[in-house]
Amino acid sequence: KGDEFKCVYCGRMVDDQPYGTRHRN
């Protein structure tokens, strides 16, 4: 929880688990 990844298109950092979801796609 709280990990981030870099977007493959725009390059922004993205939280992988917003709003209680298991993972962001």
mmCIF file of all heavy atoms, coordinates in Angstrom:
data_MODEL
# 
_entry.id   MODEL 
# 
loop_
_atom_site.group_PDB 
_atom_site.id 
_atom_site.type_symbol 
_atom_site.label_atom_id 
_atom_site.label_alt_id 
_atom_site.label_comp_id 
_atom_site.label_asym_id 
_atom_site.label_entity_id 
_atom_site.label_seq_id 
_atom_site.pdbx_PDB_ins_code 
_atom_site.Cartn_x 
_atom_site.Cartn_y 
_atom_site.Cartn_z 
_atom_site.occupancy 
_atom_site.B_iso_or_equiv 
_atom_site.pdbx_formal_charge 
_atom_site.auth_seq_id 
_atom_site.auth_comp_id 
_atom_site.auth_asym_id 
_atom_site.auth_atom_id 
_atom_site.pdbx_PDB_model_num 
ATOM 1   N N   . LYS A 1 1  ? 0.842   -1.189 0.000   1.00 0.00 ? 1  LYS A N   1 
ATOM 2   C CA  . LYS A 1 1  ? 0.000   0.000  0.000   1.00 0.00 ? 1  LYS A CA  1 
ATOM 3   C C   . LYS A 1 1  ? 0.881   1.243  0.000   1.00 0.00 ? 1  LYS A C   1 
ATOM 4   O O   . LYS A 1 1  ? 1.842   1.355  0.727   1.00 0.00 ? 1  LYS A O   1 
ATOM 5   C CB  . LYS A 1 1  ? -0.924  0.013  1.208   1.00 0.00 ? 1  LYS A CB  1 
ATOM 6   C CG  . LYS A 1 1  ? -1.884  1.191  1.192   1.00 0.00 ? 1  LYS A CG  1 
ATOM 7   C CD  . LYS A 1 1  ? -3.032  0.940  2.108   1.00 0.00 ? 1  LYS A CD  1 
ATOM 8   C CE  . LYS A 1 1  ? -4.002  2.098  2.149   1.00 0.00 ? 1  LYS A CE  1 
ATOM 9   N NZ  . LYS A 1 1  ? -4.552  2.486  0.893   1.00 0.00 ? 1  LYS A NZ  1 
ATOM 10  N N   . GLY A 1 2  ? 0.533   2.185  -0.855  1.00 0.00 ? 2  GLY A N   1 
ATOM 11  C CA  . GLY A 1 2  ? 1.278   3.424  -0.934  1.00 0.00 ? 2  GLY A CA  1 
ATOM 12  C C   . GLY A 1 2  ? 2.406   3.403  -1.949  1.00 0.00 ? 2  GLY A C   1 
ATOM 13  O O   . GLY A 1 2  ? 3.088   4.393  -2.129  1.00 0.00 ? 2  GLY A O   1 
ATOM 14  N N   . ASP A 1 3  ? 2.622   2.288  -2.647  1.00 0.00 ? 3  ASP A N   1 
ATOM 15  C CA  . ASP A 1 3  ? 3.644   2.247  -3.693  1.00 0.00 ? 3  ASP A CA  1 
ATOM 16  C C   . ASP A 1 3  ? 3.219   3.132  -4.858  1.00 0.00 ? 3  ASP A C   1 
ATOM 17  O O   . ASP A 1 3  ? 2.043   3.387  -5.063  1.00 0.00 ? 3  ASP A O   1 
ATOM 18  C CB  . ASP A 1 3  ? 3.854   0.820  -4.200  1.00 0.00 ? 3  ASP A CB  1 
ATOM 19  C CG  . ASP A 1 3  ? 4.691   -0.016 -3.260  1.00 0.00 ? 3  ASP A CG  1 
ATOM 20  O OD1 . ASP A 1 3  ? 5.281   0.549  -2.322  1.00 0.00 ? 3  ASP A OD1 1 
ATOM 21  O OD2 . ASP A 1 3  ? 4.758   -1.233 -3.465  1.00 0.00 ? 3  ASP A OD2 1 
ATOM 22  N N   . GLU A 1 4  ? 4.196   3.560  -5.613  1.00 0.00 ? 4  GLU A N   1 
ATOM 23  C CA  . GLU A 1 4  ? 3.937   4.377  -6.779  1.00 0.00 ? 4  GLU A CA  1 
ATOM 24  C C   . GLU A 1 4  ? 4.611   3.753  -7.992  1.00 0.00 ? 4  GLU A C   1 
ATOM 25  O O   . GLU A 1 4  ? 5.522   2.944  -7.864  1.00 0.00 ? 4  GLU A O   1 
ATOM 26  C CB  . GLU A 1 4  ? 4.497   5.785  -6.585  1.00 0.00 ? 4  GLU A CB  1 
ATOM 27  C CG  . GLU A 1 4  ? 3.788   6.600  -5.536  1.00 0.00 ? 4  GLU A CG  1 
ATOM 28  C CD  . GLU A 1 4  ? 4.353   8.007  -5.443  1.00 0.00 ? 4  GLU A CD  1 
ATOM 29  O OE1 . GLU A 1 4  ? 5.587   8.174  -5.548  1.00 0.00 ? 4  GLU A OE1 1 
ATOM 30  O OE2 . GLU A 1 4  ? 3.553   8.946  -5.272  1.00 0.00 ? 4  GLU A OE2 1 
ATOM 31  N N   . PHE A 1 5  ? 4.112   4.121  -9.166  1.00 0.00 ? 5  PHE A N   1 
ATOM 32  C CA  . PHE A 1 5  ? 4.769   3.735  -10.401 1.00 0.00 ? 5  PHE A CA  1 
ATOM 33  C C   . PHE A 1 5  ? 4.796   4.937  -11.323 1.00 0.00 ? 5  PHE A C   1 
ATOM 34  O O   . PHE A 1 5  ? 4.023   5.875  -11.168 1.00 0.00 ? 5  PHE A O   1 
ATOM 35  C CB  . PHE A 1 5  ? 4.095   2.531  -11.062 1.00 0.00 ? 5  PHE A CB  1 
ATOM 36  C CG  . PHE A 1 5  ? 2.669   2.780  -11.517 1.00 0.00 ? 5  PHE A CG  1 
ATOM 37  C CD1 . PHE A 1 5  ? 2.397   3.273  -12.785 1.00 0.00 ? 5  PHE A CD1 1 
ATOM 38  C CD2 . PHE A 1 5  ? 1.605   2.489  -10.679 1.00 0.00 ? 5  PHE A CD2 1 
ATOM 39  C CE1 . PHE A 1 5  ? 1.095   3.483  -13.206 1.00 0.00 ? 5  PHE A CE1 1 
ATOM 40  C CE2 . PHE A 1 5  ? 0.298   2.692  -11.092 1.00 0.00 ? 5  PHE A CE2 1 
ATOM 41  C CZ  . PHE A 1 5  ? 0.040   3.195  -12.355 1.00 0.00 ? 5  PHE A CZ  1 
ATOM 42  N N   . LYS A 1 6  ? 5.699   4.916  -12.284 1.00 0.00 ? 6  LYS A N   1 
ATOM 43  C CA  . LYS A 1 6  ? 5.816   5.993  -13.254 1.00 0.00 ? 6  LYS A CA  1 
ATOM 44  C C   . LYS A 1 6  ? 4.987   5.629  -14.482 1.00 0.00 ? 6  LYS A C   1 
ATOM 45  O O   . LYS A 1 6  ? 5.123   4.533  -15.031 1.00 0.00 ? 6  LYS A O   1 
ATOM 46  C CB  . LYS A 1 6  ? 7.282   6.188  -13.636 1.00 0.00 ? 6  LYS A CB  1 
ATOM 47  C CG  . LYS A 1 6  ? 7.526   7.379  -14.518 1.00 0.00 ? 6  LYS A CG  1 
ATOM 48  C CD  . LYS A 1 6  ? 9.023   7.570  -14.737 1.00 0.00 ? 6  LYS A CD  1 
ATOM 49  C CE  . LYS A 1 6  ? 9.280   8.788  -15.584 1.00 0.00 ? 6  LYS A CE  1 
ATOM 50  N NZ  . LYS A 1 6  ? 10.712  9.024  -15.780 1.00 0.00 ? 6  LYS A NZ  1 
ATOM 51  N N   . CYS A 1 7  ? 4.128   6.541  -14.912 1.00 0.00 ? 7  CYS A N   1 
ATOM 52  C CA  . CYS A 1 7  ? 3.286   6.309  -16.086 1.00 0.00 ? 7  CYS A CA  1 
ATOM 53  C C   . CYS A 1 7  ? 4.156   6.122  -17.321 1.00 0.00 ? 7  CYS A C   1 
ATOM 54  O O   . CYS A 1 7  ? 5.091   6.885  -17.564 1.00 0.00 ? 7  CYS A O   1 
ATOM 55  C CB  . CYS A 1 7  ? 2.332   7.482  -16.285 1.00 0.00 ? 7  CYS A CB  1 
ATOM 56  S SG  . CYS A 1 7  ? 1.333   7.352  -17.788 1.00 0.00 ? 7  CYS A SG  1 
ATOM 57  N N   . VAL A 1 8  ? 3.823   5.105  -18.119 1.00 0.00 ? 8  VAL A N   1 
ATOM 58  C CA  . VAL A 1 8  ? 4.590   4.801  -19.330 1.00 0.00 ? 8  VAL A CA  1 
ATOM 59  C C   . VAL A 1 8  ? 4.367   5.832  -20.439 1.00 0.00 ? 8  VAL A C   1 
ATOM 60  O O   . VAL A 1 8  ? 5.134   5.891  -21.387 1.00 0.00 ? 8  VAL A O   1 
ATOM 61  C CB  . VAL A 1 8  ? 4.265   3.389  -19.890 1.00 0.00 ? 8  VAL A CB  1 
ATOM 62  C CG1 . VAL A 1 8  ? 4.666   2.309  -18.918 1.00 0.00 ? 8  VAL A CG1 1 
ATOM 63  C CG2 . VAL A 1 8  ? 2.807   3.271  -20.279 1.00 0.00 ? 8  VAL A CG2 1 
ATOM 64  N N   . TYR A 1 9  ? 3.315   6.644  -20.322 1.00 0.00 ? 9  TYR A N   1 
ATOM 65  C CA  . TYR A 1 9  ? 3.006   7.611  -21.375 1.00 0.00 ? 9  TYR A CA  1 
ATOM 66  C C   . TYR A 1 9  ? 3.386   9.043  -20.984 1.00 0.00 ? 9  TYR A C   1 
ATOM 67  O O   . TYR A 1 9  ? 4.163   9.682  -21.675 1.00 0.00 ? 9  TYR A O   1 
ATOM 68  C CB  . TYR A 1 9  ? 1.518   7.525  -21.742 1.00 0.00 ? 9  TYR A CB  1 
ATOM 69  C CG  . TYR A 1 9  ? 1.151   8.372  -22.929 1.00 0.00 ? 9  TYR A CG  1 
ATOM 70  C CD1 . TYR A 1 9  ? 1.511   7.981  -24.205 1.00 0.00 ? 9  TYR A CD1 1 
ATOM 71  C CD2 . TYR A 1 9  ? 0.451   9.558  -22.782 1.00 0.00 ? 9  TYR A CD2 1 
ATOM 72  C CE1 . TYR A 1 9  ? 1.191   8.754  -25.311 1.00 0.00 ? 9  TYR A CE1 1 
ATOM 73  C CE2 . TYR A 1 9  ? 0.124   10.339 -23.872 1.00 0.00 ? 9  TYR A CE2 1 
ATOM 74  C CZ  . TYR A 1 9  ? 0.491   9.936  -25.131 1.00 0.00 ? 9  TYR A CZ  1 
ATOM 75  O OH  . TYR A 1 9  ? 0.167   10.701 -26.222 1.00 0.00 ? 9  TYR A OH  1 
ATOM 76  N N   . CYS A 1 10 ? 2.844   9.537  -19.848 1.00 0.00 ? 10 CYS A N   1 
ATOM 77  C CA  . CYS A 1 10 ? 3.086   10.938 -19.478 1.00 0.00 ? 10 CYS A CA  1 
ATOM 78  C C   . CYS A 1 10 ? 4.243   11.109 -18.493 1.00 0.00 ? 10 CYS A C   1 
ATOM 79  O O   . CYS A 1 10 ? 4.704   12.218 -18.276 1.00 0.00 ? 10 CYS A O   1 
ATOM 80  C CB  . CYS A 1 10 ? 1.829   11.588 -18.923 1.00 0.00 ? 10 CYS A CB  1 
ATOM 81  S SG  . CYS A 1 10 ? 1.333   11.036 -17.263 1.00 0.00 ? 10 CYS A SG  1 
ATOM 82  N N   . GLY A 1 11 ? 4.701   10.015 -17.882 1.00 0.00 ? 11 GLY A N   1 
ATOM 83  C CA  . GLY A 1 11 ? 5.851   10.067 -16.991 1.00 0.00 ? 11 GLY A CA  1 
ATOM 84  C C   . GLY A 1 11 ? 5.570   10.525 -15.572 1.00 0.00 ? 11 GLY A C   1 
ATOM 85  O O   . GLY A 1 11 ? 6.481   10.607 -14.758 1.00 0.00 ? 11 GLY A O   1 
ATOM 86  N N   . ARG A 1 12 ? 4.316   10.801 -15.235 1.00 0.00 ? 12 ARG A N   1 
ATOM 87  C CA  . ARG A 1 12 ? 3.987   11.224 -13.870 1.00 0.00 ? 12 ARG A CA  1 
ATOM 88  C C   . ARG A 1 12 ? 4.024   10.037 -12.915 1.00 0.00 ? 12 ARG A C   1 
ATOM 89  O O   . ARG A 1 12 ? 3.768   8.901  -13.311 1.00 0.00 ? 12 ARG A O   1 
ATOM 90  C CB  . ARG A 1 12 ? 2.603   11.856 -13.819 1.00 0.00 ? 12 ARG A CB  1 
ATOM 91  C CG  . ARG A 1 12 ? 2.507   13.170 -14.533 1.00 0.00 ? 12 ARG A CG  1 
ATOM 92  C CD  . ARG A 1 12 ? 1.146   13.773 -14.283 1.00 0.00 ? 12 ARG A CD  1 
ATOM 93  N NE  . ARG A 1 12 ? 0.951   14.974 -15.063 1.00 0.00 ? 12 ARG A NE  1 
ATOM 94  C CZ  . ARG A 1 12 ? -0.148  15.694 -15.026 1.00 0.00 ? 12 ARG A CZ  1 
ATOM 95  N NH1 . ARG A 1 12 ? -1.163  15.331 -14.266 1.00 0.00 ? 12 ARG A NH1 1 
ATOM 96  N NH2 . ARG A 1 12 ? -0.264  16.773 -15.768 1.00 0.00 ? 12 ARG A NH2 1 
ATOM 97  N N   . MET A 1 13 ? 4.300   10.324 -11.649 1.00 0.00 ? 13 MET A N   1 
ATOM 98  C CA  . MET A 1 13 ? 4.238   9.299  -10.615 1.00 0.00 ? 13 MET A CA  1 
ATOM 99  C C   . MET A 1 13 ? 2.781   9.095  -10.208 1.00 0.00 ? 13 MET A C   1 
ATOM 100 O O   . MET A 1 13 ? 2.025   10.057 -10.067 1.00 0.00 ? 13 MET A O   1 
ATOM 101 C CB  . MET A 1 13 ? 5.085   9.689  -9.401  1.00 0.00 ? 13 MET A CB  1 
ATOM 102 C CG  . MET A 1 13 ? 6.572   9.747  -9.709  1.00 0.00 ? 13 MET A CG  1 
ATOM 103 S SD  . MET A 1 13 ? 7.241   8.234  -10.436 1.00 0.00 ? 13 MET A SD  1 
ATOM 104 C CE  . MET A 1 13 ? 7.084   7.087  -9.088  1.00 0.00 ? 13 MET A CE  1 
ATOM 105 N N   . VAL A 1 14 ? 2.378   7.823  -10.023 1.00 0.00 ? 14 VAL A N   1 
ATOM 106 C CA  . VAL A 1 14 ? 0.983   7.466  -9.774  1.00 0.00 ? 14 VAL A CA  1 
ATOM 107 C C   . VAL A 1 14 ? 0.905   6.551  -8.555  1.00 0.00 ? 14 VAL A C   1 
ATOM 108 O O   . VAL A 1 14 ? 1.641   5.567  -8.462  1.00 0.00 ? 14 VAL A O   1 
ATOM 109 C CB  . VAL A 1 14 ? 0.391   6.728  -11.004 1.00 0.00 ? 14 VAL A CB  1 
ATOM 110 C CG1 . VAL A 1 14 ? -1.031  6.289  -10.742 1.00 0.00 ? 14 VAL A CG1 1 
ATOM 111 C CG2 . VAL A 1 14 ? 0.473   7.606  -12.239 1.00 0.00 ? 14 VAL A CG2 1 
ATOM 112 N N   . ASP A 1 15 ? 0.003   6.872  -7.617  1.00 0.00 ? 15 ASP A N   1 
ATOM 113 C CA  . ASP A 1 15 ? -0.267  6.009  -6.467  1.00 0.00 ? 15 ASP A CA  1 
ATOM 114 C C   . ASP A 1 15 ? -0.979  4.771  -6.982  1.00 0.00 ? 15 ASP A C   1 
ATOM 115 O O   . ASP A 1 15 ? -1.956  4.860  -7.709  1.00 0.00 ? 15 ASP A O   1 
ATOM 116 C CB  . ASP A 1 15 ? -1.139  6.750  -5.461  1.00 0.00 ? 15 ASP A CB  1 
ATOM 117 C CG  . ASP A 1 15 ? -1.496  5.940  -4.220  1.00 0.00 ? 15 ASP A CG  1 
ATOM 118 O OD1 . ASP A 1 15 ? -0.988  4.814  -4.065  1.00 0.00 ? 15 ASP A OD1 1 
ATOM 119 O OD2 . ASP A 1 15 ? -2.282  6.445  -3.409  1.00 0.00 ? 15 ASP A OD2 1 
ATOM 120 N N   . ASP A 1 16 ? -0.506  3.584  -6.602  1.00 0.00 ? 16 ASP A N   1 
ATOM 121 C CA  . ASP A 1 16 ? -1.083  2.356  -7.161  1.00 0.00 ? 16 ASP A CA  1 
ATOM 122 C C   . ASP A 1 16 ? -2.335  1.877  -6.436  1.00 0.00 ? 16 ASP A C   1 
ATOM 123 O O   . ASP A 1 16 ? -2.974  0.948  -6.883  1.00 0.00 ? 16 ASP A O   1 
ATOM 124 C CB  . ASP A 1 16 ? -0.037  1.237  -7.211  1.00 0.00 ? 16 ASP A CB  1 
ATOM 125 C CG  . ASP A 1 16 ? 0.195   0.580  -5.870  1.00 0.00 ? 16 ASP A CG  1 
ATOM 126 O OD1 . ASP A 1 16 ? 0.104   1.279  -4.842  1.00 0.00 ? 16 ASP A OD1 1 
ATOM 127 O OD2 . ASP A 1 16 ? 0.467   -0.630 -5.853  1.00 0.00 ? 16 ASP A OD2 1 
ATOM 128 N N   . GLN A 1 17 ? -2.713  2.473  -5.321  1.00 0.00 ? 17 GLN A N   1 
ATOM 129 C CA  . GLN A 1 17 ? -3.873  1.980  -4.572  1.00 0.00 ? 17 GLN A CA  1 
ATOM 130 C C   . GLN A 1 17 ? -4.761  3.123  -4.080  1.00 0.00 ? 17 GLN A C   1 
ATOM 131 O O   . GLN A 1 17 ? -4.943  3.302  -2.884  1.00 0.00 ? 17 GLN A O   1 
ATOM 132 C CB  . GLN A 1 17 ? -3.412  1.137  -3.394  1.00 0.00 ? 17 GLN A CB  1 
ATOM 133 C CG  . GLN A 1 17 ? -2.682  -0.101 -3.837  1.00 0.00 ? 17 GLN A CG  1 
ATOM 134 C CD  . GLN A 1 17 ? -2.433  -1.045 -2.683  1.00 0.00 ? 17 GLN A CD  1 
ATOM 135 O OE1 . GLN A 1 17 ? -3.149  -1.061 -1.705  1.00 0.00 ? 17 GLN A OE1 1 
ATOM 136 N NE2 . GLN A 1 17 ? -1.401  -1.852 -2.813  1.00 0.00 ? 17 GLN A NE2 1 
ATOM 137 N N   . PRO A 1 18 ? -5.364  3.894  -4.972  1.00 0.00 ? 18 PRO A N   1 
ATOM 138 C CA  . PRO A 1 18 ? -6.225  4.993  -4.540  1.00 0.00 ? 18 PRO A CA  1 
ATOM 139 C C   . PRO A 1 18 ? -7.593  4.499  -4.089  1.00 0.00 ? 18 PRO A C   1 
ATOM 140 O O   . PRO A 1 18 ? -8.058  3.446  -4.531  1.00 0.00 ? 18 PRO A O   1 
ATOM 141 C CB  . PRO A 1 18 ? -6.359  5.836  -5.798  1.00 0.00 ? 18 PRO A CB  1 
ATOM 142 C CG  . PRO A 1 18 ? -6.317  4.823  -6.886  1.00 0.00 ? 18 PRO A CG  1 
ATOM 143 C CD  . PRO A 1 18 ? -5.320  3.777  -6.419  1.00 0.00 ? 18 PRO A CD  1 
ATOM 144 N N   . TYR A 1 19 ? -8.215  5.234  -3.230  1.00 0.00 ? 19 TYR A N   1 
ATOM 145 C CA  . TYR A 1 19 ? -9.609  5.001  -2.847  1.00 0.00 ? 19 TYR A CA  1 
ATOM 146 C C   . TYR A 1 19 ? -9.894  3.560  -2.423  1.00 0.00 ? 19 TYR A C   1 
ATOM 147 O O   . TYR A 1 19 ? -10.943 3.006  -2.726  1.00 0.00 ? 19 TYR A O   1 
ATOM 148 C CB  . TYR A 1 19 ? -10.559 5.400  -3.981  1.00 0.00 ? 19 TYR A CB  1 
ATOM 149 C CG  . TYR A 1 19 ? -10.503 6.877  -4.284  1.00 0.00 ? 19 TYR A CG  1 
ATOM 150 C CD1 . TYR A 1 19 ? -9.772  7.361  -5.359  1.00 0.00 ? 19 TYR A CD1 1 
ATOM 151 C CD2 . TYR A 1 19 ? -11.155 7.789  -3.479  1.00 0.00 ? 19 TYR A CD2 1 
ATOM 152 C CE1 . TYR A 1 19 ? -9.702  8.715  -5.624  1.00 0.00 ? 19 TYR A CE1 1 
ATOM 153 C CE2 . TYR A 1 19 ? -11.089 9.141  -3.732  1.00 0.00 ? 19 TYR A CE2 1 
ATOM 154 C CZ  . TYR A 1 19 ? -10.367 9.597  -4.806  1.00 0.00 ? 19 TYR A CZ  1 
ATOM 155 O OH  . TYR A 1 19 ? -10.302 10.932 -5.059  1.00 0.00 ? 19 TYR A OH  1 
ATOM 156 N N   . GLY A 1 20 ? -8.946  2.892  -1.786  1.00 0.00 ? 20 GLY A N   1 
ATOM 157 C CA  . GLY A 1 20 ? -9.184  1.554  -1.256  1.00 0.00 ? 20 GLY A CA  1 
ATOM 158 C C   . GLY A 1 20 ? -9.199  0.437  -2.272  1.00 0.00 ? 20 GLY A C   1 
ATOM 159 O O   . GLY A 1 20 ? -9.589  -0.676 -1.973  1.00 0.00 ? 20 GLY A O   1 
ATOM 160 N N   . THR A 1 21 ? -8.762  0.713  -3.514  1.00 0.00 ? 21 THR A N   1 
ATOM 161 C CA  . THR A 1 21 ? -8.714  -0.359 -4.516  1.00 0.00 ? 21 THR A CA  1 
ATOM 162 C C   . THR A 1 21 ? -7.511  -1.240 -4.261  1.00 0.00 ? 21 THR A C   1 
ATOM 163 O O   . THR A 1 21 ? -6.582  -0.861 -3.560  1.00 0.00 ? 21 THR A O   1 
ATOM 164 C CB  . THR A 1 21 ? -8.624  0.222  -5.947  1.00 0.00 ? 21 THR A CB  1 
ATOM 165 O OG1 . THR A 1 21 ? -7.430  0.989  -6.043  1.00 0.00 ? 21 THR A OG1 1 
ATOM 166 C CG2 . THR A 1 21 ? -9.817  1.094  -6.273  1.00 0.00 ? 21 THR A CG2 1 
ATOM 167 N N   . ARG A 1 22 ? -7.503  -2.419 -4.830  1.00 0.00 ? 22 ARG A N   1 
ATOM 168 C CA  . ARG A 1 22 ? -6.381  -3.339 -4.640  1.00 0.00 ? 22 ARG A CA  1 
ATOM 169 C C   . ARG A 1 22 ? -5.161  -2.932 -5.436  1.00 0.00 ? 22 ARG A C   1 
ATOM 170 O O   . ARG A 1 22 ? -4.040  -3.072 -5.003  1.00 0.00 ? 22 ARG A O   1 
ATOM 171 C CB  . ARG A 1 22 ? -6.795  -4.756 -5.015  1.00 0.00 ? 22 ARG A CB  1 
ATOM 172 C CG  . ARG A 1 22 ? -7.799  -5.305 -4.048  1.00 0.00 ? 22 ARG A CG  1 
ATOM 173 C CD  . ARG A 1 22 ? -7.953  -6.802 -4.228  1.00 0.00 ? 22 ARG A CD  1 
ATOM 174 N NE  . ARG A 1 22 ? -8.972  -7.250 -3.308  1.00 0.00 ? 22 ARG A NE  1 
ATOM 175 C CZ  . ARG A 1 22 ? -9.974  -8.010 -3.636  1.00 0.00 ? 22 ARG A CZ  1 
ATOM 176 N NH1 . ARG A 1 22 ? -10.097 -8.445 -4.871  1.00 0.00 ? 22 ARG A NH1 1 
ATOM 177 N NH2 . ARG A 1 22 ? -10.853 -8.371 -2.740  1.00 0.00 ? 22 ARG A NH2 1 
ATOM 178 N N   . HIS A 1 23 ? -5.376  -2.437 -6.628  1.00 0.00 ? 23 HIS A N   1 
ATOM 179 C CA  . HIS A 1 23 ? -4.273  -1.916 -7.438  1.00 0.00 ? 23 HIS A CA  1 
ATOM 180 C C   . HIS A 1 23 ? -4.841  -1.088 -8.580  1.00 0.00 ? 23 HIS A C   1 
ATOM 181 O O   . HIS A 1 23 ? -5.942  -1.321 -9.047  1.00 0.00 ? 23 HIS A O   1 
ATOM 182 C CB  . HIS A 1 23 ? -3.400  -3.043 -7.998  1.00 0.00 ? 23 HIS A CB  1 
ATOM 183 C CG  . HIS A 1 23 ? -4.117  -3.952 -8.944  1.00 0.00 ? 23 HIS A CG  1 
ATOM 184 N ND1 . HIS A 1 23 ? -4.852  -5.026 -8.530  1.00 0.00 ? 23 HIS A ND1 1 
ATOM 185 C CD2 . HIS A 1 23 ? -4.227  -3.918 -10.293 1.00 0.00 ? 23 HIS A CD2 1 
ATOM 186 C CE1 . HIS A 1 23 ? -5.380  -5.635 -9.577  1.00 0.00 ? 23 HIS A CE1 1 
ATOM 187 N NE2 . HIS A 1 23 ? -5.021  -4.978 -10.654 1.00 0.00 ? 23 HIS A NE2 1 
ATOM 188 N N   . ARG A 1 24 ? -4.082  -0.106 -8.975  1.00 0.00 ? 24 ARG A N   1 
ATOM 189 C CA  . ARG A 1 24 ? -4.491  0.747  -10.089 1.00 0.00 ? 24 ARG A CA  1 
ATOM 190 C C   . ARG A 1 24 ? -3.928  0.164  -11.371 1.00 0.00 ? 24 ARG A C   1 
ATOM 191 O O   . ARG A 1 24 ? -2.816  -0.335 -11.401 1.00 0.00 ? 24 ARG A O   1 
ATOM 192 C CB  . ARG A 1 24 ? -3.949  2.158  -9.892  1.00 0.00 ? 24 ARG A CB  1 
ATOM 193 C CG  . ARG A 1 24 ? -4.260  3.063  -11.060 1.00 0.00 ? 24 ARG A CG  1 
ATOM 194 C CD  . ARG A 1 24 ? -3.587  4.394  -10.926 1.00 0.00 ? 24 ARG A CD  1 
ATOM 195 N NE  . ARG A 1 24 ? -4.134  5.192  -9.852  1.00 0.00 ? 24 ARG A NE  1 
ATOM 196 C CZ  . ARG A 1 24 ? -5.292  5.857  -9.905  1.00 0.00 ? 24 ARG A CZ  1 
ATOM 197 N NH1 . ARG A 1 24 ? -6.041  5.784  -10.982 1.00 0.00 ? 24 ARG A NH1 1 
ATOM 198 N NH2 . ARG A 1 24 ? -5.691  6.579  -8.902  1.00 0.00 ? 24 ARG A NH2 1 
ATOM 199 N N   . ASN A 1 25 ? -4.699  0.244  -12.437 1.00 0.00 ? 25 ASN A N   1 
ATOM 200 C CA  . ASN A 1 25 ? -4.275  -0.294 -13.725 1.00 0.00 ? 25 ASN A CA  1 
ATOM 201 C C   . ASN A 1 25 ? -3.906  0.764  -14.748 1.00 0.00 ? 25 ASN A C   1 
ATOM 202 O O   . ASN A 1 25 ? -3.419  0.427  -15.808 1.00 0.00 ? 25 ASN A O   1 
ATOM 203 C CB  . ASN A 1 25 ? -5.380  -1.172 -14.310 1.00 0.00 ? 25 ASN A CB  1 
ATOM 204 C CG  . ASN A 1 25 ? -5.547  -2.448 -13.544 1.00 0.00 ? 25 ASN A CG  1 
ATOM 205 O OD1 . ASN A 1 25 ? -4.570  -3.113 -13.255 1.00 0.00 ? 25 ASN A OD1 1 
ATOM 206 N ND2 . ASN A 1 25 ? -6.770  -2.789 -13.199 1.00 0.00 ? 25 ASN A ND2 1 
# 
